[in-house]
Amino acid sequence: MKDLVSSWVESSARSTLSRLHQQIGVAGLAAAAAVPGLSAVFDQHSAAVRDILAAGVEGSAAVAGVVLLAGYTRGLLDEAKTTGWTFRAPADLSAWTTSDWITARLVGVCSLAVTIDDRPTGSG
């Protein structure tokens, strides 16, 4: 039963990250590939999130990375909603350079999601 539950949780996590990628990541990562310096901004956000998940989540060793990342993302979006944040797609590729912090962080999450491991992290 534990394997079934773990599979469901990981599937749900992947769905969350996939939706985020379709809504924000595709355009944001395309902008990062086209606009000088923008990739570095998103990479810094990816690195910060990776560090938070590796060192800042108690008990993370037993949880798949994709689950941790989706949980972080849901928490970030919940907090953003309480502040009234909504995603506003930049009008063109260069407009991504003035993205707000939350948008940049979410693109960083999308970038990290491509490489995150489904297996438990083994640290934490």
PDB file of N, CA and C in Angstrom:
ATOM      1  N   MET A   1       0.820  -1.201   0.000  1.00  0.00           N
ATOM      2  CA  MET A   1       0.000   0.000   0.000  1.00  0.00           C
ATOM      3  C   MET A   1       0.861   1.262   0.000  1.00  0.00           C
ATOM      4  N   LYS A   2       1.999   1.203   0.688  1.00  0.00           N
ATOM      5  CA  LYS A   2       2.873   2.367   0.732  1.00  0.00           C
ATOM      6  C   LYS A   2       3.364   2.727  -0.667  1.00  0.00           C
ATOM      7  N   ASP A   3       3.690   1.733  -1.470  1.00  0.00           N
ATOM      8  CA  ASP A   3       4.136   2.011  -2.832  1.00  0.00           C
ATOM      9  C   ASP A   3       3.041   2.672  -3.659  1.00  0.00           C
ATOM     10  N   LEU A   4       1.796   2.252  -3.467  1.00  0.00           N
ATOM     11  CA  LEU A   4       0.678   2.849  -4.181  1.00  0.00           C
ATOM     12  C   LEU A   4       0.509   4.306  -3.769  1.00  0.00           C
ATOM     13  N   VAL A   5       0.578   4.571  -2.472  1.00  0.00           N
ATOM     14  CA  VAL A   5       0.446   5.940  -1.970  1.00  0.00           C
ATOM     15  C   VAL A   5       1.602   6.798  -2.473  1.00  0.00           C
ATOM     16  N   SER A   6       2.807   6.282  -2.394  1.00  0.00           N
ATOM     17  CA  SER A   6       3.975   7.027  -2.881  1.00  0.00           C
ATOM     18  C   SER A   6       3.840   7.344  -4.362  1.00  0.00           C
ATOM     19  N   SER A   7       3.376   6.380  -5.119  1.00  0.00           N
ATOM     20  CA  SER A   7       3.191   6.597  -6.557  1.00  0.00           C
ATOM     21  C   SER A   7       2.156   7.677  -6.830  1.00  0.00           C
ATOM     22  N   TRP A   8       1.069   7.656  -6.071  1.00  0.00           N
ATOM     23  CA  TRP A   8       0.027   8.662  -6.245  1.00  0.00           C
ATOM     24  C   TRP A   8       0.554  10.049  -5.889  1.00  0.00           C
ATOM     25  N   VAL A   9       1.275  10.151  -4.783  1.00  0.00           N
ATOM     26  CA  VAL A   9       1.822  11.438  -4.346  1.00  0.00           C
ATOM     27  C   VAL A   9       2.802  11.970  -5.390  1.00  0.00           C
ATOM     28  N   GLU A  10       3.672  11.111  -5.884  1.00  0.00           N
ATOM     29  CA  GLU A  10       4.639  11.538  -6.896  1.00  0.00           C
ATOM     30  C   GLU A  10       3.944  11.922  -8.200  1.00  0.00           C
ATOM     31  N   SER A  11       2.903  11.201  -8.570  1.00  0.00           N
ATOM     32  CA  SER A  11       2.148  11.535  -9.777  1.00  0.00           C
ATOM     33  C   SER A  11       1.473  12.897  -9.634  1.00  0.00           C
ATOM     34  N   SER A  12       0.901  13.142  -8.471  1.00  0.00           N
ATOM     35  CA  SER A  12       0.278  14.433  -8.205  1.00  0.00           C
ATOM     36  C   SER A  12       1.309  15.557  -8.256  1.00  0.00           C
ATOM     37  N   ALA A  13       2.483  15.291  -7.701  1.00  0.00           N
ATOM     38  CA  ALA A  13       3.558  16.286  -7.716  1.00  0.00           C
ATOM     39  C   ALA A  13       3.978  16.590  -9.151  1.00  0.00           C
ATOM     40  N   ARG A  14       4.147  15.553  -9.950  1.00  0.00           N
ATOM     41  CA  ARG A  14       4.524  15.754 -11.351  1.00  0.00           C
ATOM     42  C   ARG A  14       3.452  16.547 -12.104  1.00  0.00           C
ATOM     43  N   SER A  15       2.189  16.293 -11.798  1.00  0.00           N
ATOM     44  CA  SER A  15       1.092  17.032 -12.444  1.00  0.00           C
ATOM     45  C   SER A  15       1.150  18.515 -12.093  1.00  0.00           C
ATOM     46  N   THR A  16       1.404  18.803 -10.829  1.00  0.00           N
ATOM     47  CA  THR A  16       1.530  20.196 -10.390  1.00  0.00           C
ATOM     48  C   THR A  16       2.645  20.898 -11.154  1.00  0.00           C
ATOM     49  N   LEU A  17       3.800  20.250 -11.213  1.00  0.00           N
ATOM     50  CA  LEU A  17       4.950  20.855 -11.886  1.00  0.00           C
ATOM     51  C   LEU A  17       4.730  20.958 -13.394  1.00  0.00           C
ATOM     52  N   SER A  18       4.035  20.000 -13.967  1.00  0.00           N
ATOM     53  CA  SER A  18       3.737  20.038 -15.398  1.00  0.00           C
ATOM     54  C   SER A  18       2.816  21.211 -15.733  1.00  0.00           C
ATOM     55  N   ARG A  19       1.793  21.419 -14.911  1.00  0.00           N
ATOM     56  CA  ARG A  19       0.883  22.557 -15.126  1.00  0.00           C
ATOM     57  C   ARG A  19       1.642  23.874 -15.024  1.00  0.00           C
ATOM     58  N   LEU A  20       2.498  23.983 -14.015  1.00  0.00           N
ATOM     59  CA  LEU A  20       3.290  25.199 -13.850  1.00  0.00           C
ATOM     60  C   LEU A  20       4.172  25.425 -15.077  1.00  0.00           C
ATOM     61  N   HIS A  21       4.781  24.354 -15.551  1.00  0.00           N
ATOM     62  CA  HIS A  21       5.652  24.466 -16.719  1.00  0.00           C
ATOM     63  C   HIS A  21       4.872  24.967 -17.937  1.00  0.00           C
ATOM     64  N   GLN A  22       3.679  24.443 -18.141  1.00  0.00           N
ATOM     65  CA  GLN A  22       2.864  24.875 -19.282  1.00  0.00           C
ATOM     66  C   GLN A  22       2.417  26.325 -19.134  1.00  0.00           C
ATOM     67  N   GLN A  23       2.064  26.743 -17.914  1.00  0.00           N
ATOM     68  CA  GLN A  23       1.523  28.079 -17.691  1.00  0.00           C
ATOM     69  C   GLN A  23       2.593  29.166 -17.657  1.00  0.00           C
ATOM     70  N   ILE A  24       3.773  28.848 -17.137  1.00  0.00           N
ATOM     71  CA  ILE A  24       4.812  29.860 -16.947  1.00  0.00           C
ATOM     72  C   ILE A  24       6.152  29.431 -17.532  1.00  0.00           C
ATOM     73  N   GLY A  25       6.527  28.190 -17.297  1.00  0.00           N
ATOM     74  CA  GLY A  25       7.864  27.733 -17.629  1.00  0.00           C
ATOM     75  C   GLY A  25       8.212  27.755 -19.098  1.00  0.00           C
ATOM     76  N   VAL A  26       7.308  27.333 -19.953  1.00  0.00           N
ATOM     77  CA  VAL A  26       7.616  27.274 -21.386  1.00  0.00           C
ATOM     78  C   VAL A  26       8.045  28.652 -21.888  1.00  0.00           C
ATOM     79  N   ALA A  27       7.237  29.651 -21.624  1.00  0.00           N
ATOM     80  CA  ALA A  27       7.548  31.004 -22.100  1.00  0.00           C
ATOM     81  C   ALA A  27       8.749  31.594 -21.370  1.00  0.00           C
ATOM     82  N   GLY A  28       8.816  31.381 -20.058  1.00  0.00           N
ATOM     83  CA  GLY A  28       9.932  31.926 -19.287  1.00  0.00           C
ATOM     84  C   GLY A  28      11.270  31.341 -19.688  1.00  0.00           C
ATOM     85  N   LEU A  29      11.312  30.046 -19.895  1.00  0.00           N
ATOM     86  CA  LEU A  29      12.566  29.402 -20.288  1.00  0.00           C
ATOM     87  C   LEU A  29      12.946  29.747 -21.728  1.00  0.00           C
ATOM     88  N   ALA A  30      11.946  29.961 -22.578  1.00  0.00           N
ATOM     89  CA  ALA A  30      12.240  30.423 -23.943  1.00  0.00           C
ATOM     90  C   ALA A  30      12.853  31.822 -23.897  1.00  0.00           C
ATOM     91  N   ALA A  31      12.313  32.664 -23.036  1.00  0.00           N
ATOM     92  CA  ALA A  31      12.875  34.009 -22.875  1.00  0.00           C
ATOM     93  C   ALA A  31      14.300  33.929 -22.345  1.00  0.00           C
ATOM     94  N   ALA A  32      14.537  33.034 -21.400  1.00  0.00           N
ATOM     95  CA  ALA A  32      15.880  32.879 -20.831  1.00  0.00           C
ATOM     96  C   ALA A  32      16.888  32.458 -21.890  1.00  0.00           C
ATOM     97  N   ALA A  33      16.447  31.654 -22.832  1.00  0.00           N
ATOM     98  CA  ALA A  33      17.338  31.206 -23.902  1.00  0.00           C
ATOM     99  C   ALA A  33      17.628  32.324 -24.902  1.00  0.00           C
ATOM    100  N   ALA A  34      16.723  33.289 -24.995  1.00  0.00           N
ATOM    101  CA  ALA A  34      16.849  34.329 -26.012  1.00  0.00           C
ATOM    102  C   ALA A  34      17.399  35.659 -25.497  1.00  0.00           C
ATOM    103  N   VAL A  35      17.225  35.933 -24.215  1.00  0.00           N
ATOM    104  CA  VAL A  35      17.594  37.241 -23.668  1.00  0.00           C
ATOM    105  C   VAL A  35      18.856  37.113 -22.820  1.00  0.00           C
ATOM    106  N   PRO A  36      19.920  37.798 -23.205  1.00  0.00           N
ATOM    107  CA  PRO A  36      21.174  37.709 -22.439  1.00  0.00           C
ATOM    108  C   PRO A  36      20.977  38.088 -20.966  1.00  0.00           C
ATOM    109  N   GLY A  37      21.530  37.278 -20.092  1.00  0.00           N
ATOM    110  CA  GLY A  37      21.482  37.548 -18.660  1.00  0.00           C
ATOM    111  C   GLY A  37      20.267  37.001 -17.943  1.00  0.00           C
ATOM    112  N   LEU A  38      19.199  36.764 -18.653  1.00  0.00           N
ATOM    113  CA  LEU A  38      17.970  36.299 -18.008  1.00  0.00           C
ATOM    114  C   LEU A  38      18.119  34.879 -17.481  1.00  0.00           C
ATOM    115  N   SER A  39      18.847  34.062 -18.198  1.00  0.00           N
ATOM    116  CA  SER A  39      19.090  32.694 -17.743  1.00  0.00           C
ATOM    117  C   SER A  39      19.775  32.690 -16.381  1.00  0.00           C
ATOM    118  N   ALA A  40      20.703  33.605 -16.167  1.00  0.00           N
ATOM    119  CA  ALA A  40      21.409  33.683 -14.883  1.00  0.00           C
ATOM    120  C   ALA A  40      20.454  34.019 -13.745  1.00  0.00           C
ATOM    121  N   VAL A  41      19.497  34.884 -14.004  1.00  0.00           N
ATOM    122  CA  VAL A  41      18.507  35.241 -12.981  1.00  0.00           C
ATOM    123  C   VAL A  41      17.702  34.012 -12.584  1.00  0.00           C
ATOM    124  N   PHE A  42      17.198  33.299 -13.571  1.00  0.00           N
ATOM    125  CA  PHE A  42      16.393  32.116 -13.282  1.00  0.00           C
ATOM    126  C   PHE A  42      17.242  31.012 -12.651  1.00  0.00           C
ATOM    127  N   ASP A  43      18.498  30.888 -13.084  1.00  0.00           N
ATOM    128  CA  ASP A  43      19.402  29.895 -12.490  1.00  0.00           C
ATOM    129  C   ASP A  43      19.641  30.175 -11.011  1.00  0.00           C
ATOM    130  N   GLN A  44      19.748  31.448 -10.642  1.00  0.00           N
ATOM    131  CA  GLN A  44      19.925  31.795  -9.231  1.00  0.00           C
ATOM    132  C   GLN A  44      18.710  31.374  -8.417  1.00  0.00           C
ATOM    133  N   HIS A  45      17.533  31.555  -8.968  1.00  0.00           N
ATOM    134  CA  HIS A  45      16.320  31.117  -8.274  1.00  0.00           C
ATOM    135  C   HIS A  45      16.293  29.592  -8.155  1.00  0.00           C
ATOM    136  N   SER A  46      16.672  28.892  -9.213  1.00  0.00           N
ATOM    137  CA  SER A  46      16.729  27.424  -9.162  1.00  0.00           C
ATOM    138  C   SER A  46      17.683  26.959  -8.073  1.00  0.00           C
ATOM    139  N   ALA A  47      18.850  27.572  -8.008  1.00  0.00           N
ATOM    140  CA  ALA A  47      19.849  27.187  -7.007  1.00  0.00           C
ATOM    141  C   ALA A  47      19.347  27.456  -5.595  1.00  0.00           C
ATOM    142  N   ALA A  48      18.674  28.575  -5.404  1.00  0.00           N
ATOM    143  CA  ALA A  48      18.143  28.897  -4.076  1.00  0.00           C
ATOM    144  C   ALA A  48      17.093  27.879  -3.644  1.00  0.00           C
ATOM    145  N   VAL A  49      16.210  27.520  -4.554  1.00  0.00           N
ATOM    146  CA  VAL A  49      15.179  26.523  -4.229  1.00  0.00           C
ATOM    147  C   VAL A  49      15.825  25.170  -3.952  1.00  0.00           C
ATOM    148  N   ARG A  50      16.792  24.783  -4.771  1.00  0.00           N
ATOM    149  CA  ARG A  50      17.496  23.517  -4.556  1.00  0.00           C
ATOM    150  C   ARG A  50      18.135  23.491  -3.163  1.00  0.00           C
ATOM    151  N   ASP A  51      18.750  24.606  -2.746  1.00  0.00           N
ATOM    152  CA  ASP A  51      19.362  24.683  -1.418  1.00  0.00           C
ATOM    153  C   ASP A  51      18.319  24.594  -0.315  1.00  0.00           C
ATOM    154  N   ILE A  52      17.193  25.255  -0.508  1.00  0.00           N
ATOM    155  CA  ILE A  52      16.111  25.188   0.483  1.00  0.00           C
ATOM    156  C   ILE A  52      15.635  23.751   0.649  1.00  0.00           C
ATOM    157  N   LEU A  53      15.432  23.064  -0.453  1.00  0.00           N
ATOM    158  CA  LEU A  53      14.943  21.683  -0.387  1.00  0.00           C
ATOM    159  C   LEU A  53      15.978  20.748   0.217  1.00  0.00           C
ATOM    160  N   ALA A  54      17.249  20.994  -0.054  1.00  0.00           N
ATOM    161  CA  ALA A  54      18.311  20.116   0.443  1.00  0.00           C
ATOM    162  C   ALA A  54      18.599  20.330   1.920  1.00  0.00           C
ATOM    163  N   ALA A  55      18.547  21.565   2.375  1.00  0.00           N
ATOM    164  CA  ALA A  55      18.978  21.853   3.745  1.00  0.00           C
ATOM    165  C   ALA A  55      17.873  22.373   4.650  1.00  0.00           C
ATOM    166  N   GLY A  56      16.813  22.857   4.078  1.00  0.00           N
ATOM    167  CA  GLY A  56      15.822  23.534   4.892  1.00  0.00           C
ATOM    168  C   GLY A  56      14.535  22.788   5.147  1.00  0.00           C
ATOM    169  N   VAL A  57      14.455  21.543   4.726  1.00  0.00           N
ATOM    170  CA  VAL A  57      13.226  20.776   4.912  1.00  0.00           C
ATOM    171  C   VAL A  57      13.529  19.582   5.801  1.00  0.00           C
ATOM    172  N   GLU A  58      13.040  19.642   7.025  1.00  0.00           N
ATOM    173  CA  GLU A  58      13.281  18.550   7.971  1.00  0.00           C
ATOM    174  C   GLU A  58      12.638  17.262   7.469  1.00  0.00           C
ATOM    175  N   GLY A  59      13.388  16.176   7.547  1.00  0.00           N
ATOM    176  CA  GLY A  59      12.876  14.876   7.133  1.00  0.00           C
ATOM    177  C   GLY A  59      12.848  14.672   5.629  1.00  0.00           C
ATOM    178  N   SER A  60      13.532  15.537   4.896  1.00  0.00           N
ATOM    179  CA  SER A  60      13.463  15.460   3.435  1.00  0.00           C
ATOM    180  C   SER A  60      14.155  14.234   2.853  1.00  0.00           C
ATOM    181  N   ALA A  61      14.976  13.568   3.643  1.00  0.00           N
ATOM    182  CA  ALA A  61      15.718  12.410   3.125  1.00  0.00           C
ATOM    183  C   ALA A  61      14.797  11.292   2.642  1.00  0.00           C
ATOM    184  N   ALA A  62      13.615  11.209   3.216  1.00  0.00           N
ATOM    185  CA  ALA A  62      12.708  10.117   2.876  1.00  0.00           C
ATOM    186  C   ALA A  62      11.674  10.504   1.815  1.00  0.00           C
ATOM    187  N   VAL A  63      11.817  11.695   1.254  1.00  0.00           N
ATOM    188  CA  VAL A  63      10.809  12.193   0.320  1.00  0.00           C
ATOM    189  C   VAL A  63      11.440  12.410  -1.055  1.00  0.00           C
ATOM    190  N   ALA A  64      10.738  12.007  -2.082  1.00  0.00           N
ATOM    191  CA  ALA A  64      11.233  12.207  -3.449  1.00  0.00           C
ATOM    192  C   ALA A  64      11.380  13.696  -3.740  1.00  0.00           C
ATOM    193  N   GLY A  65      12.430  14.036  -4.467  1.00  0.00           N
ATOM    194  CA  GLY A  65      12.690  15.429  -4.797  1.00  0.00           C
ATOM    195  C   GLY A  65      11.533  16.105  -5.508  1.00  0.00           C
ATOM    196  N   VAL A  66      10.871  15.392  -6.399  1.00  0.00           N
ATOM    197  CA  VAL A  66       9.748  15.961  -7.134  1.00  0.00           C
ATOM    198  C   VAL A  66       8.608  16.328  -6.181  1.00  0.00           C
ATOM    199  N   VAL A  67       8.420  15.552  -5.124  1.00  0.00           N
ATOM    200  CA  VAL A  67       7.373  15.834  -4.136  1.00  0.00           C
ATOM    201  C   VAL A  67       7.742  17.075  -3.330  1.00  0.00           C
ATOM    202  N   LEU A  68       9.007  17.168  -2.917  1.00  0.00           N
ATOM    203  CA  LEU A  68       9.461  18.353  -2.187  1.00  0.00           C
ATOM    204  C   LEU A  68       9.300  19.612  -3.036  1.00  0.00           C
ATOM    205  N   LEU A  69       9.690  19.524  -4.298  1.00  0.00           N
ATOM    206  CA  LEU A  69       9.614  20.685  -5.181  1.00  0.00           C
ATOM    207  C   LEU A  69       8.165  21.112  -5.409  1.00  0.00           C
ATOM    208  N   ALA A  70       7.285  20.159  -5.615  1.00  0.00           N
ATOM    209  CA  ALA A  70       5.869  20.494  -5.804  1.00  0.00           C
ATOM    210  C   ALA A  70       5.284  21.094  -4.530  1.00  0.00           C
ATOM    211  N   GLY A  71       5.670  20.561  -3.378  1.00  0.00           N
ATOM    212  CA  GLY A  71       5.201  21.122  -2.110  1.00  0.00           C
ATOM    213  C   GLY A  71       5.673  22.554  -1.927  1.00  0.00           C
ATOM    214  N   TYR A  72       6.930  22.798  -2.233  1.00  0.00           N
ATOM    215  CA  TYR A  72       7.467  24.159  -2.163  1.00  0.00           C
ATOM    216  C   TYR A  72       6.668  25.075  -3.096  1.00  0.00           C
ATOM    217  N   THR A  73       6.419  24.599  -4.296  1.00  0.00           N
ATOM    218  CA  THR A  73       5.701  25.389  -5.295  1.00  0.00           C
ATOM    219  C   THR A  73       4.291  25.715  -4.834  1.00  0.00           C
ATOM    220  N   ARG A  74       3.598  24.719  -4.298  1.00  0.00           N
ATOM    221  CA  ARG A  74       2.229  24.961  -3.806  1.00  0.00           C
ATOM    222  C   ARG A  74       2.233  25.982  -2.681  1.00  0.00           C
ATOM    223  N   GLY A  75       3.206  25.868  -1.776  1.00  0.00           N
ATOM    224  CA  GLY A  75       3.312  26.835  -0.686  1.00  0.00           C
ATOM    225  C   GLY A  75       3.582  28.237  -1.198  1.00  0.00           C
ATOM    226  N   LEU A  76       4.472  28.346  -2.167  1.00  0.00           N
ATOM    227  CA  LEU A  76       4.789  29.643  -2.758  1.00  0.00           C
ATOM    228  C   LEU A  76       3.554  30.248  -3.423  1.00  0.00           C
ATOM    229  N   LEU A  77       2.832  29.445  -4.180  1.00  0.00           N
ATOM    230  CA  LEU A  77       1.631  29.943  -4.851  1.00  0.00           C
ATOM    231  C   LEU A  77       0.541  30.321  -3.848  1.00  0.00           C
ATOM    232  N   ASP A  78       0.386  29.532  -2.790  1.00  0.00           N
ATOM    233  CA  ASP A  78      -0.597  29.870  -1.751  1.00  0.00           C
ATOM    234  C   ASP A  78      -0.264  31.208  -1.110  1.00  0.00           C
ATOM    235  N   GLU A  79       0.998  31.402  -0.764  1.00  0.00           N
ATOM    236  CA  GLU A  79       1.424  32.664  -0.157  1.00  0.00           C
ATOM    237  C   GLU A  79       1.246  33.817  -1.140  1.00  0.00           C
ATOM    238  N   ALA A  80       1.578  33.589  -2.397  1.00  0.00           N
ATOM    239  CA  ALA A  80       1.430  34.634  -3.413  1.00  0.00           C
ATOM    240  C   ALA A  80      -0.032  35.063  -3.541  1.00  0.00           C
ATOM    241  N   LYS A  81      -0.922  34.103  -3.489  1.00  0.00           N
ATOM    242  CA  LYS A  81      -2.348  34.419  -3.600  1.00  0.00           C
ATOM    243  C   LYS A  81      -2.818  35.275  -2.436  1.00  0.00           C
ATOM    244  N   THR A  82      -2.279  35.029  -1.234  1.00  0.00           N
ATOM    245  CA  THR A  82      -2.698  35.830  -0.077  1.00  0.00           C
ATOM    246  C   THR A  82      -2.255  37.284  -0.212  1.00  0.00           C
ATOM    247  N   THR A  83      -1.241  37.532  -1.018  1.00  0.00           N
ATOM    248  CA  THR A  83      -0.779  38.905  -1.233  1.00  0.00           C
ATOM    249  C   THR A  83      -1.441  39.543  -2.450  1.00  0.00           C
ATOM    250  N   GLY A  84      -2.301  38.785  -3.133  1.00  0.00           N
ATOM    251  CA  GLY A  84      -2.993  39.308  -4.298  1.00  0.00           C
ATOM    252  C   GLY A  84      -2.242  39.131  -5.604  1.00  0.00           C
ATOM    253  N   TRP A  85      -1.155  38.369  -5.584  1.00  0.00           N
ATOM    254  CA  TRP A  85      -0.358  38.164  -6.791  1.00  0.00           C
ATOM    255  C   TRP A  85      -1.130  37.338  -7.806  1.00  0.00           C
ATOM    256  N   THR A  86      -1.032  37.719  -9.049  1.00  0.00           N
ATOM    257  CA  THR A  86      -1.514  36.907 -10.161  1.00  0.00           C
ATOM    258  C   THR A  86      -0.453  36.971 -11.256  1.00  0.00           C
ATOM    259  N   PHE A  87      -0.344  35.917 -12.010  1.00  0.00           N
ATOM    260  CA  PHE A  87       0.646  35.882 -13.078  1.00  0.00           C
ATOM    261  C   PHE A  87       0.174  36.729 -14.242  1.00  0.00           C
ATOM    262  N   ARG A  88       1.052  37.606 -14.666  1.00  0.00           N
ATOM    263  CA  ARG A  88       0.793  38.418 -15.850  1.00  0.00           C
ATOM    264  C   ARG A  88       1.892  38.107 -16.856  1.00  0.00           C
ATOM    265  N   ALA A  89       1.522  37.455 -17.914  1.00  0.00           N
ATOM    266  CA  ALA A  89       2.515  37.064 -18.919  1.00  0.00           C
ATOM    267  C   ALA A  89       3.135  38.301 -19.554  1.00  0.00           C
ATOM    268  N   PRO A  90       4.459  38.368 -19.565  1.00  0.00           N
ATOM    269  CA  PRO A  90       5.119  39.490 -20.233  1.00  0.00           C
ATOM    270  C   PRO A  90       4.727  39.552 -21.710  1.00  0.00           C
ATOM    271  N   ALA A  91       4.669  40.764 -22.226  1.00  0.00           N
ATOM    272  CA  ALA A  91       4.203  40.987 -23.594  1.00  0.00           C
ATOM    273  C   ALA A  91       5.144  40.418 -24.650  1.00  0.00           C
ATOM    274  N   ASP A  92       6.444  40.410 -24.354  1.00  0.00           N
ATOM    275  CA  ASP A  92       7.413  39.864 -25.300  1.00  0.00           C
ATOM    276  C   ASP A  92       8.594  39.295 -24.519  1.00  0.00           C
ATOM    277  N   LEU A  93       9.530  38.690 -25.228  1.00  0.00           N
ATOM    278  CA  LEU A  93      10.651  38.021 -24.557  1.00  0.00           C
ATOM    279  C   LEU A  93      11.455  38.965 -23.678  1.00  0.00           C
ATOM    280  N   SER A  94      11.734  40.161 -24.153  1.00  0.00           N
ATOM    281  CA  SER A  94      12.557  41.078 -23.364  1.00  0.00           C
ATOM    282  C   SER A  94      11.836  41.571 -22.113  1.00  0.00           C
ATOM    283  N   ALA A  95      10.518  41.546 -22.107  1.00  0.00           N
ATOM    284  CA  ALA A  95       9.760  41.988 -20.934  1.00  0.00           C
ATOM    285  C   ALA A  95       9.940  41.045 -19.741  1.00  0.00           C
ATOM    286  N   TRP A  96      10.431  39.827 -19.984  1.00  0.00           N
ATOM    287  CA  TRP A  96      10.698  38.902 -18.883  1.00  0.00           C
ATOM    288  C   TRP A  96      11.795  39.435 -17.967  1.00  0.00           C
ATOM    289  N   THR A  97      12.614  40.364 -18.452  1.00  0.00           N
ATOM    290  CA  THR A  97      13.694  40.912 -17.619  1.00  0.00           C
ATOM    291  C   THR A  97      13.158  41.747 -16.468  1.00  0.00           C
ATOM    292  N   THR A  98      11.910  42.169 -16.544  1.00  0.00           N
ATOM    293  CA  THR A  98      11.308  42.943 -15.456  1.00  0.00           C
ATOM    294  C   THR A  98      10.274  42.123 -14.684  1.00  0.00           C
ATOM    295  N   SER A  99      10.366  40.817 -14.781  1.00  0.00           N
ATOM    296  CA  SER A  99       9.440  39.939 -14.047  1.00  0.00           C
ATOM    297  C   SER A  99       9.560  40.181 -12.551  1.00  0.00           C
ATOM    298  N   ASP A 100       8.437  40.032 -11.867  1.00  0.00           N
ATOM    299  CA  ASP A 100       8.467  40.140 -10.410  1.00  0.00           C
ATOM    300  C   ASP A 100       9.164  38.916  -9.811  1.00  0.00           C
ATOM    301  N   TRP A 101       9.474  38.999  -8.518  1.00  0.00           N
ATOM    302  CA  TRP A 101      10.232  37.954  -7.826  1.00  0.00           C
ATOM    303  C   TRP A 101       9.523  36.601  -7.900  1.00  0.00           C
ATOM    304  N   ILE A 102       8.229  36.588  -7.685  1.00  0.00           N
ATOM    305  CA  ILE A 102       7.496  35.318  -7.675  1.00  0.00           C
ATOM    306  C   ILE A 102       7.534  34.663  -9.054  1.00  0.00           C
ATOM    307  N   THR A 103       7.338  35.439 -10.085  1.00  0.00           N
ATOM    308  CA  THR A 103       7.398  34.884 -11.439  1.00  0.00           C
ATOM    309  C   THR A 103       8.781  34.315 -11.726  1.00  0.00           C
ATOM    310  N   ALA A 104       9.822  35.069 -11.374  1.00  0.00           N
ATOM    311  CA  ALA A 104      11.190  34.584 -11.587  1.00  0.00           C
ATOM    312  C   ALA A 104      11.446  33.313 -10.789  1.00  0.00           C
ATOM    313  N   ARG A 105      10.936  33.254  -9.558  1.00  0.00           N
ATOM    314  CA  ARG A 105      11.123  32.065  -8.725  1.00  0.00           C
ATOM    315  C   ARG A 105      10.421  30.872  -9.354  1.00  0.00           C
ATOM    316  N   LEU A 106       9.223  31.077  -9.879  1.00  0.00           N
ATOM    317  CA  LEU A 106       8.476  29.981 -10.494  1.00  0.00           C
ATOM    318  C   LEU A 106       9.149  29.480 -11.769  1.00  0.00           C
ATOM    319  N   VAL A 107       9.739  30.370 -12.541  1.00  0.00           N
ATOM    320  CA  VAL A 107      10.501  29.919 -13.712  1.00  0.00           C
ATOM    321  C   VAL A 107      11.713  29.122 -13.241  1.00  0.00           C
ATOM    322  N   GLY A 108      12.335  29.567 -12.149  1.00  0.00           N
ATOM    323  CA  GLY A 108      13.442  28.806 -11.568  1.00  0.00           C
ATOM    324  C   GLY A 108      13.004  27.416 -11.141  1.00  0.00           C
ATOM    325  N   VAL A 109      11.819  27.319 -10.561  1.00  0.00           N
ATOM    326  CA  VAL A 109      11.259  26.018 -10.187  1.00  0.00           C
ATOM    327  C   VAL A 109      11.084  25.147 -11.430  1.00  0.00           C
ATOM    328  N   CYS A 110      10.568  25.727 -12.500  1.00  0.00           N
ATOM    329  CA  CYS A 110      10.382  24.964 -13.746  1.00  0.00           C
ATOM    330  C   CYS A 110      11.708  24.445 -14.279  1.00  0.00           C
ATOM    331  N   SER A 111      12.723  25.267 -14.210  1.00  0.00           N
ATOM    332  CA  SER A 111      14.046  24.847 -14.660  1.00  0.00           C
ATOM    333  C   SER A 111      14.572  23.703 -13.801  1.00  0.00           C
ATOM    334  N   LEU A 112      14.394  23.817 -12.503  1.00  0.00           N
ATOM    335  CA  LEU A 112      14.843  22.779 -11.574  1.00  0.00           C
ATOM    336  C   LEU A 112      14.057  21.483 -11.761  1.00  0.00           C
ATOM    337  N   ALA A 113      12.786  21.600 -12.073  1.00  0.00           N
ATOM    338  CA  ALA A 113      11.930  20.415 -12.229  1.00  0.00           C
ATOM    339  C   ALA A 113      12.422  19.485 -13.330  1.00  0.00           C
ATOM    340  N   VAL A 114      13.098  20.033 -14.307  1.00  0.00           N
ATOM    341  CA  VAL A 114      13.612  19.219 -15.410  1.00  0.00           C
ATOM    342  C   VAL A 114      14.665  18.229 -14.919  1.00  0.00           C
ATOM    343  N   THR A 115      15.412  18.608 -13.893  1.00  0.00           N
ATOM    344  CA  THR A 115      16.534  17.781 -13.436  1.00  0.00           C
ATOM    345  C   THR A 115      16.307  17.106 -12.091  1.00  0.00           C
ATOM    346  N   ILE A 116      15.226  17.410 -11.421  1.00  0.00           N
ATOM    347  CA  ILE A 116      15.026  16.875 -10.064  1.00  0.00           C
ATOM    348  C   ILE A 116      14.759  15.377 -10.107  1.00  0.00           C
ATOM    349  N   ASP A 117      15.230  14.702  -9.092  1.00  0.00           N
ATOM    350  CA  ASP A 117      15.133  13.246  -9.010  1.00  0.00           C
ATOM    351  C   ASP A 117      13.819  12.837  -8.357  1.00  0.00           C
ATOM    352  N   ASP A 118      13.230  11.768  -8.848  1.00  0.00           N
ATOM    353  CA  ASP A 118      12.009  11.238  -8.250  1.00  0.00           C
ATOM    354  C   ASP A 118      12.284  10.448  -6.978  1.00  0.00           C
ATOM    355  N   ARG A 119      13.526  10.037  -6.794  1.00  0.00           N
ATOM    356  CA  ARG A 119      13.857   9.221  -5.621  1.00  0.00           C
ATOM    357  C   ARG A 119      14.044  10.096  -4.388  1.00  0.00           C
ATOM    358  N   PRO A 120      13.909   9.505  -3.182  1.00  0.00           N
ATOM    359  CA  PRO A 120      14.201  10.257  -1.961  1.00  0.00           C
ATOM    360  C   PRO A 120      15.598  10.855  -2.033  1.00  0.00           C
ATOM    361  N   THR A 121      15.735  12.039  -1.417  1.00  0.00           N
ATOM    362  CA  THR A 121      16.970  12.799  -1.546  1.00  0.00           C
ATOM    363  C   THR A 121      18.145  12.182  -0.812  1.00  0.00           C
ATOM    364  N   GLY A 122      17.883  11.489   0.289  1.00  0.00           N
ATOM    365  CA  GLY A 122      18.968  10.859   1.041  1.00  0.00           C
ATOM    366  C   GLY A 122      19.706  11.802   1.957  1.00  0.00           C
ATOM    367  N   SER A 123      19.271  13.053   2.051  1.00  0.00           N
ATOM    368  CA  SER A 123      19.853  14.006   2.993  1.00  0.00           C
ATOM    369  C   SER A 123      18.721  14.721   3.690  1.00  0.00           C
ATOM    370  N   GLY A 124      19.037  15.363   4.832  1.00  0.00           N
ATOM    371  CA  GLY A 124      18.007  16.173   5.480  1.00  0.00           C
ATOM    372  C   GLY A 124      17.643  15.717   6.780  1.00  0.00           C
TER     373      GLY A 124
END
